[in-house]
Protein backbone atom coordinates (compact mmCIF):
# COMPACT_ATOMS: atom_id res chain seq x y z
CA MET A 1 29.40 148.84 70.02
CA THR A 2 30.38 146.50 67.14
CA VAL A 3 28.07 144.62 64.79
CA ASP A 4 28.10 141.48 66.88
CA GLY A 5 27.09 143.08 70.10
CA ALA A 6 30.60 143.44 71.45
CA SER A 7 32.14 146.61 72.81
CA PRO A 8 35.22 148.26 71.21
CA ASP A 9 37.41 147.56 74.24
CA GLY A 10 37.44 143.83 73.45
CA ASN A 11 34.73 142.84 75.86
CA SER A 12 31.14 141.69 75.46
CA PRO A 13 28.42 144.01 76.83
CA ASP A 14 28.54 142.26 80.18
CA GLY A 15 32.30 142.86 80.46
CA THR A 16 33.42 139.32 79.64
CA PRO A 17 36.41 138.99 77.26
CA PHE A 18 35.89 137.93 73.64
CA ASP A 19 37.83 134.79 74.39
CA SER A 20 34.96 133.67 76.60
CA ASP A 21 32.73 133.57 73.56
CA VAL A 22 35.20 131.37 71.69
CA TRP A 23 35.58 129.05 74.63
CA ALA A 24 31.83 128.92 75.09
CA GLY A 25 31.60 127.49 71.57
CA VAL A 26 34.35 124.97 72.31
CA ARG A 27 32.66 124.00 75.57
CA ASP A 28 29.24 123.51 74.03
CA VAL A 29 30.53 121.39 71.14
CA SER A 30 32.79 119.23 73.34
CA PRO A 31 30.20 116.49 74.05
CA LEU A 32 29.64 116.07 70.32
CA LEU A 33 33.38 115.66 69.72
CA LEU A 34 33.15 112.26 71.43
CA GLY A 35 31.07 111.12 68.48
CA ILE A 36 32.98 113.08 65.82
CA ALA A 37 36.32 111.46 66.69
CA PRO A 38 35.31 107.88 65.83
CA PHE A 39 33.36 109.26 62.85
CA ALA A 40 36.61 110.77 61.54
CA LEU A 41 38.47 107.54 62.22
CA VAL A 42 35.92 105.66 60.15
CA ALA A 43 36.35 108.17 57.32
CA GLY A 44 40.11 107.69 57.37
CA ILE A 45 39.85 103.90 57.49
CA ALA A 46 37.29 103.92 54.69
CA ALA A 47 39.61 106.02 52.57
CA VAL A 48 42.42 103.49 53.00
CA ASN A 49 40.08 100.61 52.18
CA ALA A 50 38.99 102.46 49.03
CA GLY A 51 42.60 102.72 47.88
CA LEU A 52 43.31 106.36 48.73
CA GLY A 53 46.72 107.37 50.06
CA LEU A 54 47.42 109.66 53.01
CA ALA A 55 47.72 112.81 50.88
CA GLU A 56 44.53 112.01 48.96
CA ALA A 57 42.51 111.17 52.08
CA VAL A 58 43.67 114.21 54.03
CA GLY A 59 43.29 116.47 50.99
CA MET A 60 39.71 115.30 50.55
CA SER A 61 39.03 115.80 54.25
CA VAL A 62 40.42 119.34 54.25
CA ILE A 63 38.79 120.47 50.99
CA VAL A 64 35.41 118.79 51.37
CA PHE A 65 35.08 118.75 55.16
CA ALA A 66 31.71 117.04 55.12
CA GLY A 67 31.52 113.72 56.93
CA ALA A 68 28.41 112.13 55.46
CA SER A 69 29.19 113.08 51.86
CA GLN A 70 32.83 112.09 52.29
CA LEU A 71 31.89 108.61 53.50
CA ALA A 72 29.37 108.22 50.69
CA ALA A 73 31.84 109.42 48.09
CA ILE A 74 34.61 107.18 49.43
CA GLU A 75 32.32 104.15 49.37
CA LEU A 76 31.33 104.90 45.78
CA ILE A 77 34.96 105.42 44.76
CA GLY A 78 35.83 102.05 46.30
CA ALA A 79 32.99 100.48 44.29
CA ASN A 80 34.30 102.09 41.07
CA ALA A 81 31.10 104.05 40.62
CA PRO A 82 30.88 106.59 37.77
CA LEU A 83 32.26 110.00 38.67
CA ALA A 84 28.87 111.59 37.99
CA VAL A 85 27.24 109.34 40.61
CA VAL A 86 29.97 110.15 43.16
CA ILE A 87 29.63 113.91 42.67
CA GLY A 88 25.83 113.81 42.42
CA THR A 89 25.50 111.85 45.65
CA ALA A 90 27.84 114.19 47.53
CA VAL A 91 26.03 117.27 46.24
CA VAL A 92 22.57 116.02 47.18
CA ILE A 93 23.73 114.98 50.63
CA ASN A 94 25.14 118.46 51.16
CA VAL A 95 22.09 120.33 49.82
CA ARG A 96 21.10 120.82 53.46
CA MET A 97 24.06 123.21 53.77
CA VAL A 98 22.22 125.62 51.47
CA MET A 99 19.33 125.67 53.92
CA TYR A 100 21.71 126.04 56.87
CA SER A 101 23.41 128.96 55.12
CA ALA A 102 20.11 130.72 54.43
CA SER A 103 19.08 130.28 58.05
CA ILE A 104 22.30 131.45 59.69
CA ALA A 105 23.22 134.17 57.15
CA PRO A 106 21.18 136.92 58.84
CA HIS A 107 23.31 136.51 61.96
CA PHE A 108 26.48 137.20 59.92
CA ALA A 109 25.06 139.78 57.50
CA ASP A 110 27.04 142.70 58.92
CA TYR A 111 30.42 140.98 58.63
CA GLY A 112 32.86 141.39 55.74
CA ARG A 113 32.89 139.08 52.74
CA LYS A 114 36.23 137.46 53.64
CA LEU A 115 35.10 136.65 57.17
CA ARG A 116 31.79 135.24 55.91
CA ALA A 117 33.64 133.09 53.38
CA GLY A 118 35.77 131.64 56.18
CA LEU A 119 32.72 131.00 58.32
CA ALA A 120 31.02 129.28 55.39
CA TYR A 121 33.95 126.90 54.93
CA VAL A 122 33.61 125.44 58.43
CA LEU A 123 29.79 125.17 58.35
CA THR A 124 28.64 121.79 59.66
CA ASP A 125 25.48 120.30 61.12
CA GLN A 126 26.85 120.61 64.63
CA ALA A 127 28.21 124.15 64.33
CA TYR A 128 24.97 125.34 62.77
CA ALA A 129 22.66 123.71 65.32
CA LEU A 130 24.62 124.89 68.33
CA SER A 131 25.18 128.41 67.03
CA VAL A 132 21.59 129.13 66.00
CA ALA A 133 20.34 127.92 69.37
CA GLU A 134 22.93 130.01 71.21
CA PHE A 135 22.21 133.15 69.20
CA GLU A 136 18.54 132.92 70.11
CA ALA A 137 19.21 132.20 73.78
CA ASN A 138 22.01 134.77 74.24
CA PRO A 139 21.70 137.70 71.79
CA GLU A 140 24.61 139.45 73.47
CA ARG A 141 27.00 136.68 72.43
CA SER A 142 29.73 137.57 69.93
CA ARG A 143 28.26 135.59 67.06
CA TRP A 144 31.27 134.88 64.88
CA ARG A 145 33.54 134.11 67.81
CA TYR A 146 31.12 131.60 69.32
CA TYR A 147 30.61 130.02 65.92
CA VAL A 148 34.34 129.81 65.27
CA GLY A 149 34.92 128.24 68.68
CA ALA A 150 32.48 125.43 67.91
CA ALA A 151 33.35 125.03 64.22
CA ALA A 152 37.13 125.17 64.63
CA ALA A 153 37.05 122.53 67.35
CA LEU A 154 35.06 120.27 65.03
CA TRP A 155 37.47 120.95 62.16
CA VAL A 156 40.58 120.10 64.20
CA VAL A 157 39.11 116.87 65.61
CA TRP A 158 37.90 115.83 62.16
CA GLN A 159 41.29 116.37 60.50
CA VAL A 160 43.25 114.70 63.29
CA GLY A 161 40.84 111.77 63.39
CA THR A 162 41.04 111.31 59.63
CA VAL A 163 44.84 111.24 59.72
CA VAL A 164 44.81 108.71 62.56
CA GLY A 165 42.28 106.61 60.66
CA VAL A 166 44.44 106.61 57.55
CA VAL A 167 47.57 105.73 59.51
CA VAL A 168 46.07 102.86 61.50
CA GLY A 169 44.03 101.77 58.48
CA ALA A 170 42.42 98.40 58.71
CA GLY A 171 44.25 97.67 61.94
CA VAL A 172 41.23 98.78 64.00
CA PRO A 173 39.19 95.68 64.93
CA ASP A 174 35.58 95.56 63.74
CA ALA A 175 34.63 94.62 67.30
CA TRP A 176 35.29 98.23 68.35
CA GLY A 177 32.13 99.22 66.51
CA LEU A 178 33.38 102.64 65.42
CA THR A 179 30.90 102.79 62.57
CA PHE A 180 28.08 102.85 65.14
CA ALA A 181 29.22 106.34 66.19
CA VAL A 182 28.22 107.76 62.79
CA PRO A 183 24.44 107.35 63.07
CA LEU A 184 24.57 108.32 66.76
CA VAL A 185 26.08 111.72 65.92
CA PHE A 186 23.33 112.50 63.42
CA LEU A 187 20.59 111.16 65.68
CA ALA A 188 21.80 113.50 68.42
CA LEU A 189 21.25 116.39 66.02
CA LEU A 190 18.10 115.06 64.34
CA VAL A 191 15.89 114.39 67.34
CA PRO A 192 16.05 117.92 68.88
CA ALA A 193 15.45 119.41 65.41
CA MET A 194 12.13 117.56 64.98
CA LYS A 195 10.13 120.35 66.57
CA ASP A 196 7.05 120.41 64.34
CA ARG A 197 5.11 118.31 61.84
CA PRO A 198 7.17 119.14 58.71
CA THR A 199 10.56 118.46 60.31
CA THR A 200 9.28 115.31 62.00
CA ALA A 201 7.76 114.05 58.77
CA ALA A 202 10.98 114.85 56.89
CA GLY A 203 13.12 112.98 59.41
CA VAL A 204 10.89 109.95 59.76
CA GLY A 205 9.98 109.75 56.07
CA GLY A 206 13.51 110.26 54.78
CA GLY A 207 14.94 107.75 57.24
CA ALA A 208 12.34 105.10 56.48
CA ILE A 209 12.77 105.46 52.72
CA ALA A 210 16.55 105.37 53.00
CA VAL A 211 16.35 102.10 54.95
CA ALA A 212 13.85 100.64 52.46
CA ALA A 213 16.09 101.68 49.54
CA ALA A 214 19.32 100.47 51.15
CA GLY A 215 19.63 97.65 48.63
CA LEU A 216 19.82 99.93 45.60
CA PRO A 217 23.09 99.80 43.66
CA LEU A 218 25.82 102.46 43.88
CA ASN A 219 24.60 103.53 47.33
CA LEU A 220 21.66 105.31 45.68
CA GLY A 221 19.48 104.45 48.67
CA LEU A 222 21.05 107.29 50.64
CA LEU A 223 20.43 109.69 47.78
CA VAL A 224 16.82 108.58 47.44
CA GLY A 225 16.25 108.90 51.19
CA ALA A 226 17.72 112.42 51.33
CA VAL A 227 15.60 113.69 48.44
CA SER A 228 12.49 111.95 49.76
CA GLY A 229 12.92 113.49 53.20
CA ILE A 230 13.05 116.99 51.70
CA VAL A 231 9.98 116.32 49.55
CA VAL A 232 8.01 114.84 52.46
CA GLY A 233 8.84 117.81 54.68
CA LEU A 234 7.83 120.34 52.02
CA LEU A 235 4.58 118.56 51.22
CA THR A 236 3.71 118.33 54.92
CA GLU A 237 4.31 122.04 55.37
CA VAL A 238 2.34 123.01 52.25
CA PHE A 239 -0.69 120.81 52.85
CA GLY A 240 -0.63 121.24 56.60
CA GLU A 241 -1.39 124.96 56.38
């Protein structure tokens, strides 16, 4: 038996091939891809509007691979914001990845460093949420294969969507309402995650403060909302005990 609950002959304990674990990840993430595709298009279009070329936009998408922080950074670049503000905003928005990593790391603890580094690169909100839920529901699942199935599908759709967005540029009519897909994707992940008082307080508080601070310059409202949500959640957990 291997570290992820799979047998040496290439099958899971129930006799199903490893490929079934990969495809299970792809299957489970497929509904979310309907929201990721227009999200990626928006990122590509925003990059063009900010003055980035194809190589720059795609390079940023491949290296950063973080939708919310990419959009925030692109918007700030287009507004000629200071580099420190651009980097600081992107870092704060992605702080949640540290928490995701700490949460999912025990599931990958027995894997080699190179494999874990590759898994870390494709960590996203969607891959994390789906994988953690699946690992709890089906302990016999090949963990890294399921995760790769979900994460790789997201990566491919994001990169293709970004390229298409850059190529079509501003030719997409505003009436299509592609930007509306962005909050819908995150709402689909946020609502199921609000399982207790701290997470609910963090989501509601952070969202309300971000909306209230939307008028701040240099897109700092998003930064303020993200930090405030973390603080509200922590305070609720500490004082709620």
